[in-house]
Amino acid sequence: MFLGEVVGTAVLILLGDGVVAGVLLNKSKAQNAGWVVITFAWAMGVMAGVLTSLAVSGGVAHLNPAVTVGLAATDLGVEWADVPTLIAGQFLGAFIGATLVWMAYLVHWKETEDAGLKLAVFSTGPAIRNTAANLITEIIGTAMLLIGILAIGQNDVANAMGYFFVALIVLSVGMSLGGPTGYAINPARDLGPRIMHFILPIPGKGDSDWGYSWIPVVGPLVGGVLGAFIAKAAFSL
């Protein structure tokens, strides 16, 4: 279970943060490819992460503390005793994935002057900084993620290819609700790479925006629990 979360989350962050690096960093062949490329590649990163996590014996492919806590809070197949193990695996995977992105774009960091773009490779930030509004966006986006994930299990066709439909849900959330905050919808996805941004020797990286860092953690956790409770009631789980 722990190894599955490490492997899956590492793949998720490598491909997800990797596309952001490709689009934002100077002299990348993908520079300025745009939001559609980012959201699509993040969705494919989710699919690859889920597949690789499930390929590990005992892997459960949560890859997201909001999913883990939401399912535990609603007693939907996750024991509270397993929550620390799962979240530890998710954060270790996020550290590994972020470090691999740094290595893959090693010569591009010094070619990029804008410190904000470098931070954006690793973590999210608001288009308009407003604590209440940013929290609401992350809560709604993550609640929709949990509702969608739990809805998949209620349809035989979708359940047979759950990894694919989860990716489509993430793609839709990103395109529809990602504009205000960059759609963290996953505490490990945001805080893990943000910590690595702080640690890694990235030229001219600036600060890691710790003042905002709690919003992509608290918002998704609240949204995950809320979405799981809504789904449990609506789908009679």
Protein backbone atom coordinates (compact mmCIF):
# COMPACT_ATOMS: atom_id res chain seq x y z
CA MET A 1 0.00 0.00 0.00
CA PHE A 2 2.80 2.42 0.94
CA LEU A 3 4.92 1.53 -2.10
CA GLY A 4 1.93 1.84 -4.40
CA GLU A 5 1.33 5.41 -3.23
CA VAL A 6 5.03 6.28 -3.59
CA VAL A 7 5.25 4.94 -7.14
CA GLY A 8 1.90 6.29 -8.32
CA THR A 9 2.32 9.76 -6.84
CA ALA A 10 5.88 10.03 -8.16
CA VAL A 11 4.60 9.28 -11.67
CA LEU A 12 1.72 11.74 -11.22
CA ILE A 13 4.03 14.59 -10.18
CA LEU A 14 6.72 13.77 -12.74
CA LEU A 15 4.25 14.00 -15.62
CA GLY A 16 2.07 16.75 -14.11
CA ASP A 17 4.76 19.16 -12.95
CA GLY A 18 6.77 18.10 -15.98
CA VAL A 19 4.25 19.52 -18.44
CA VAL A 20 4.09 22.78 -16.48
CA ALA A 21 7.89 23.02 -16.70
CA GLY A 22 7.74 22.36 -20.42
CA VAL A 23 5.14 25.06 -20.98
CA LEU A 24 6.63 27.73 -18.68
CA LEU A 25 10.42 27.46 -18.74
CA ASN A 26 12.49 29.34 -21.28
CA LYS A 27 13.97 27.51 -24.27
CA SER A 28 11.73 24.49 -23.76
CA LYS A 29 10.32 23.19 -27.04
CA ALA A 30 6.89 23.16 -25.39
CA GLN A 31 7.09 26.76 -24.16
CA ASN A 32 3.80 28.67 -24.39
CA ALA A 33 1.85 25.55 -25.37
CA GLY A 34 -0.94 26.74 -23.07
CA TRP A 35 -3.57 25.73 -20.54
CA VAL A 36 -5.15 22.98 -22.62
CA VAL A 37 -1.84 21.17 -22.90
CA ILE A 38 -1.28 21.49 -19.15
CA THR A 39 -4.72 20.21 -18.16
CA PHE A 40 -4.61 17.35 -20.65
CA ALA A 41 -1.16 16.19 -19.59
CA TRP A 42 -2.07 16.43 -15.91
CA ALA A 43 -5.07 14.18 -16.60
CA MET A 44 -2.85 11.68 -18.41
CA GLY A 45 -0.44 11.91 -15.48
CA VAL A 46 -3.26 10.93 -13.15
CA MET A 47 -4.09 7.94 -15.35
CA ALA A 48 -0.45 6.84 -15.47
CA GLY A 49 -0.12 7.30 -11.73
CA VAL A 50 -3.21 5.23 -11.01
CA LEU A 51 -2.09 2.45 -13.36
CA THR A 52 1.39 2.24 -11.88
CA SER A 53 0.08 2.36 -8.32
CA LEU A 54 -2.34 -0.47 -8.98
CA ALA A 55 0.46 -2.46 -10.63
CA VAL A 56 2.16 -2.60 -7.21
CA SER A 57 0.85 -5.52 -5.17
CA GLY A 58 -1.56 -4.04 -2.64
CA GLY A 59 -1.59 -0.62 -4.30
CA VAL A 60 -4.81 1.35 -3.90
CA ALA A 61 -4.01 4.34 -6.14
CA HIS A 62 -5.34 7.18 -4.01
CA LEU A 63 -2.36 9.46 -4.79
CA ASN A 64 -4.13 12.22 -2.89
CA PRO A 65 -4.64 12.82 0.86
CA ALA A 66 -8.03 14.40 0.10
CA VAL A 67 -9.19 11.11 -1.41
CA THR A 68 -7.73 9.09 1.45
CA VAL A 69 -9.22 11.26 4.19
CA GLY A 70 -12.55 11.62 2.39
CA LEU A 71 -12.96 7.85 2.07
CA ALA A 72 -11.86 7.25 5.64
CA ALA A 73 -14.23 9.91 7.02
CA THR A 74 -17.18 8.28 5.26
CA ASP A 75 -16.14 4.70 6.04
CA LEU A 76 -15.91 3.85 2.35
CA GLY A 77 -13.22 1.21 2.34
CA VAL A 78 -10.38 3.03 4.11
CA GLU A 79 -9.41 2.38 7.72
CA TRP A 80 -8.15 5.35 9.73
CA ALA A 81 -5.20 3.20 10.79
CA ASP A 82 -4.03 3.11 7.15
CA VAL A 83 -4.32 6.86 6.58
CA PRO A 84 -0.84 7.84 7.89
CA THR A 85 0.82 5.13 5.78
CA LEU A 86 -1.01 6.20 2.64
CA ILE A 87 -0.32 9.91 3.12
CA ALA A 88 3.35 9.26 3.92
CA GLY A 89 3.65 7.35 0.66
CA GLN A 90 1.93 10.14 -1.24
CA PHE A 91 4.29 12.79 0.08
CA LEU A 92 7.41 10.69 -0.50
CA GLY A 93 6.23 10.09 -4.06
CA ALA A 94 5.63 13.81 -4.52
CA PHE A 95 9.17 14.57 -3.32
CA ILE A 96 10.60 12.07 -5.78
CA GLY A 97 8.49 13.25 -8.71
CA ALA A 98 9.33 16.92 -8.13
CA THR A 99 13.03 16.13 -7.89
CA LEU A 100 12.90 14.24 -11.18
CA VAL A 101 11.24 17.23 -12.86
CA TRP A 102 14.02 19.45 -11.56
CA MET A 103 16.59 17.06 -13.01
CA ALA A 104 14.79 16.69 -16.35
CA TYR A 105 14.78 20.47 -16.89
CA LEU A 106 18.14 21.03 -15.19
CA VAL A 107 19.58 23.48 -17.75
CA HIS A 108 16.35 25.45 -18.17
CA TRP A 109 16.10 26.93 -14.68
CA LYS A 110 18.92 29.40 -15.16
CA GLU A 111 17.50 30.36 -18.56
CA THR A 112 14.23 31.48 -16.90
CA GLU A 113 14.40 34.80 -15.08
CA ASP A 114 10.85 34.89 -13.69
CA ALA A 115 10.90 33.35 -10.19
CA GLY A 116 7.10 33.06 -10.24
CA LEU A 117 7.22 30.76 -13.25
CA LYS A 118 9.73 28.52 -11.50
CA LEU A 119 7.48 28.23 -8.45
CA ALA A 120 4.48 27.54 -10.70
CA VAL A 121 6.22 24.44 -12.01
CA PHE A 122 6.09 22.95 -8.50
CA SER A 123 2.99 24.35 -6.87
CA THR A 124 -0.22 26.25 -7.50
CA GLY A 125 -1.04 29.90 -6.94
CA PRO A 126 -4.16 32.06 -7.27
CA ALA A 127 -4.98 34.21 -10.26
CA ILE A 128 -6.56 36.68 -7.83
CA ARG A 129 -5.31 36.33 -4.25
CA ASN A 130 -8.35 36.17 -1.99
CA THR A 131 -8.31 33.72 0.90
CA ALA A 132 -12.03 32.99 1.06
CA ALA A 133 -12.49 32.79 -2.70
CA ASN A 134 -9.41 30.62 -3.18
CA LEU A 135 -10.55 28.22 -0.45
CA ILE A 136 -14.03 27.97 -1.93
CA THR A 137 -12.61 27.14 -5.36
CA GLU A 138 -10.40 24.37 -3.99
CA ILE A 139 -13.26 22.97 -1.89
CA ILE A 140 -15.63 22.87 -4.86
CA GLY A 141 -13.05 21.37 -7.22
CA THR A 142 -12.04 18.62 -4.80
CA ALA A 143 -15.62 17.83 -3.85
CA MET A 144 -16.39 17.37 -7.54
CA LEU A 145 -13.38 15.08 -7.84
CA LEU A 146 -14.60 12.82 -5.01
CA ILE A 147 -18.18 12.80 -6.28
CA GLY A 148 -16.93 11.82 -9.73
CA ILE A 149 -14.61 9.10 -8.43
CA LEU A 150 -17.35 7.54 -6.31
CA ALA A 151 -19.85 7.79 -9.16
CA ILE A 152 -17.54 5.69 -11.35
CA GLY A 153 -18.02 2.72 -9.04
CA GLN A 154 -21.78 2.86 -9.59
CA ASN A 155 -21.46 2.16 -13.32
CA ASP A 156 -20.17 -1.21 -14.50
CA VAL A 157 -18.69 0.08 -17.75
CA ALA A 158 -16.97 3.04 -16.09
CA ASN A 159 -15.76 0.92 -13.18
CA ALA A 160 -14.03 -1.52 -15.54
CA MET A 161 -11.91 1.37 -16.84
CA GLY A 162 -11.92 3.48 -13.71
CA TYR A 163 -8.41 4.86 -14.29
CA PHE A 164 -9.51 6.35 -17.62
CA PHE A 165 -12.65 7.95 -16.24
CA VAL A 166 -10.78 9.38 -13.24
CA ALA A 167 -8.43 11.04 -15.74
CA LEU A 168 -11.40 12.52 -17.60
CA ILE A 169 -12.82 13.89 -14.35
CA VAL A 170 -9.49 15.53 -13.52
CA LEU A 171 -9.33 16.94 -17.06
CA SER A 172 -12.81 18.41 -16.69
CA VAL A 173 -12.11 19.86 -13.23
CA GLY A 174 -8.92 21.44 -14.54
CA MET A 175 -10.53 23.02 -17.58
CA SER A 176 -13.71 24.12 -15.83
CA LEU A 177 -12.58 25.02 -12.31
CA GLY A 178 -8.80 25.35 -12.54
CA GLY A 179 -8.62 28.97 -13.64
CA PRO A 180 -8.89 30.71 -10.25
CA THR A 181 -6.28 28.71 -8.31
CA GLY A 182 -4.55 26.30 -10.67
CA TYR A 183 -6.61 23.42 -9.20
CA ALA A 184 -4.38 21.81 -6.62
CA ILE A 185 -7.26 19.52 -5.46
CA ASN A 186 -4.53 17.44 -3.80
CA PRO A 187 -2.47 18.47 -0.74
CA ALA A 188 0.44 16.15 -1.62
CA ARG A 189 0.52 17.43 -5.18
CA ASP A 190 0.96 21.01 -3.99
CA LEU A 191 2.79 20.88 -0.66
CA GLY A 192 5.20 18.08 -1.58
CA PRO A 193 6.67 19.82 -4.64
CA ARG A 194 6.54 23.18 -2.85
CA ILE A 195 8.82 21.75 -0.17
CA MET A 196 11.19 20.51 -2.88
CA HIS A 197 11.13 23.96 -4.50
CA PHE A 198 12.33 25.30 -1.15
CA ILE A 199 15.04 22.65 -0.80
CA LEU A 200 16.42 22.21 -4.33
CA PRO A 201 19.23 24.47 -5.62
CA ILE A 202 17.17 26.20 -8.31
CA PRO A 203 18.89 29.36 -9.64
CA GLY A 204 16.91 32.55 -8.90
CA LYS A 205 13.93 30.65 -7.55
CA GLY A 206 12.66 33.26 -5.06
CA ASP A 207 10.46 32.30 -2.14
CA SER A 208 8.06 29.36 -1.99
CA ASP A 209 4.95 31.44 -1.11
CA TRP A 210 4.37 29.79 2.27
CA GLY A 211 1.65 32.34 3.03
CA TYR A 212 -0.57 30.70 0.43
CA SER A 213 0.61 27.13 0.97
CA TRP A 214 -2.07 26.17 3.51
CA ILE A 215 -4.95 26.88 1.13
CA PRO A 216 -4.16 24.01 -1.32
CA VAL A 217 -3.96 21.74 1.73
CA VAL A 218 -6.99 22.75 3.79
CA GLY A 219 -9.29 23.42 0.82
CA PRO A 220 -8.83 19.99 -0.78
CA LEU A 221 -9.12 18.17 2.57
CA VAL A 222 -12.41 19.92 3.33
CA GLY A 223 -13.62 19.39 -0.22
CA GLY A 224 -12.64 15.73 -0.18
CA VAL A 225 -14.62 15.01 2.96
CA LEU A 226 -17.59 17.08 1.76
CA GLY A 227 -17.62 15.42 -1.66
CA ALA A 228 -17.40 11.95 -0.14
CA PHE A 229 -20.33 12.64 2.19
CA ILE A 230 -22.42 14.05 -0.68
CA ALA A 231 -21.65 11.02 -2.83
CA LYS A 232 -22.37 8.59 0.00
CA ALA A 233 -25.79 10.14 0.54
CA ALA A 234 -26.67 10.65 -3.13
CA PHE A 235 -25.54 7.20 -4.29
CA SER A 236 -26.72 5.34 -1.15
CA LEU A 237 -23.25 3.93 -0.59
